Amino acid sequence: MEPVTTTHLFYATPTPGTRTLTVEAVDPFGRRYSETLALT
């Protein structure tokens, strides 16, 4: 899966069979944020 970026948000389409998805972001100060989502 390849993410698609814009100036203020992003989206991605998971491949078939994906069970979990982890979203990661880094702010301008280098702080990392992540969240794992369970796809049902």
Protein backbone atom coordinates (compact mmCIF):
# COMPACT_ATOMS: atom_id res chain seq x y z
CA MET A 1 0.00 0.00 0.00
CA GLU A 2 1.31 3.44 -0.87
CA PRO A 3 0.13 6.50 1.06
CA VAL A 4 -1.15 9.54 -0.82
CA THR A 5 -0.33 12.90 0.75
CA THR A 6 -1.93 16.32 0.47
CA THR A 7 -1.00 19.57 2.19
CA HIS A 8 -3.17 18.77 5.23
CA LEU A 9 -4.20 15.09 5.27
CA PHE A 10 -3.45 11.70 3.84
CA TYR A 11 -5.28 8.54 2.91
CA ALA A 12 -4.42 5.05 1.79
CA THR A 13 -6.40 2.06 0.57
CA PRO A 14 -5.40 -1.18 2.32
CA THR A 15 -4.83 -4.25 0.20
CA PRO A 16 -7.43 -7.04 0.44
CA GLY A 17 -6.91 -9.24 3.49
CA THR A 18 -5.35 -6.51 5.65
CA ARG A 19 -6.30 -7.10 9.30
CA THR A 20 -4.48 -4.22 11.02
CA LEU A 21 -3.23 -0.86 9.84
CA THR A 22 -0.65 1.31 11.59
CA VAL A 23 -0.67 5.06 10.96
CA GLU A 24 2.52 6.95 11.82
CA ALA A 25 3.22 10.68 11.64
CA VAL A 26 6.10 12.96 12.61
CA ASP A 27 5.45 16.59 13.53
CA PRO A 28 7.80 19.48 12.64
CA PHE A 29 9.55 19.06 16.02
CA GLY A 30 10.43 15.42 15.36
CA ARG A 31 7.82 13.94 17.72
CA ARG A 32 6.42 10.65 16.45
CA TYR A 33 2.78 9.63 16.74
CA SER A 34 1.32 6.27 15.81
CA GLU A 35 -1.89 4.33 16.16
CA THR A 36 -2.77 0.80 15.12
CA LEU A 37 -6.27 0.16 13.87
CA ALA A 38 -8.03 -3.21 13.66
CA LEU A 39 -9.93 -3.53 10.39
CA THR A 40 -13.14 -5.53 10.52
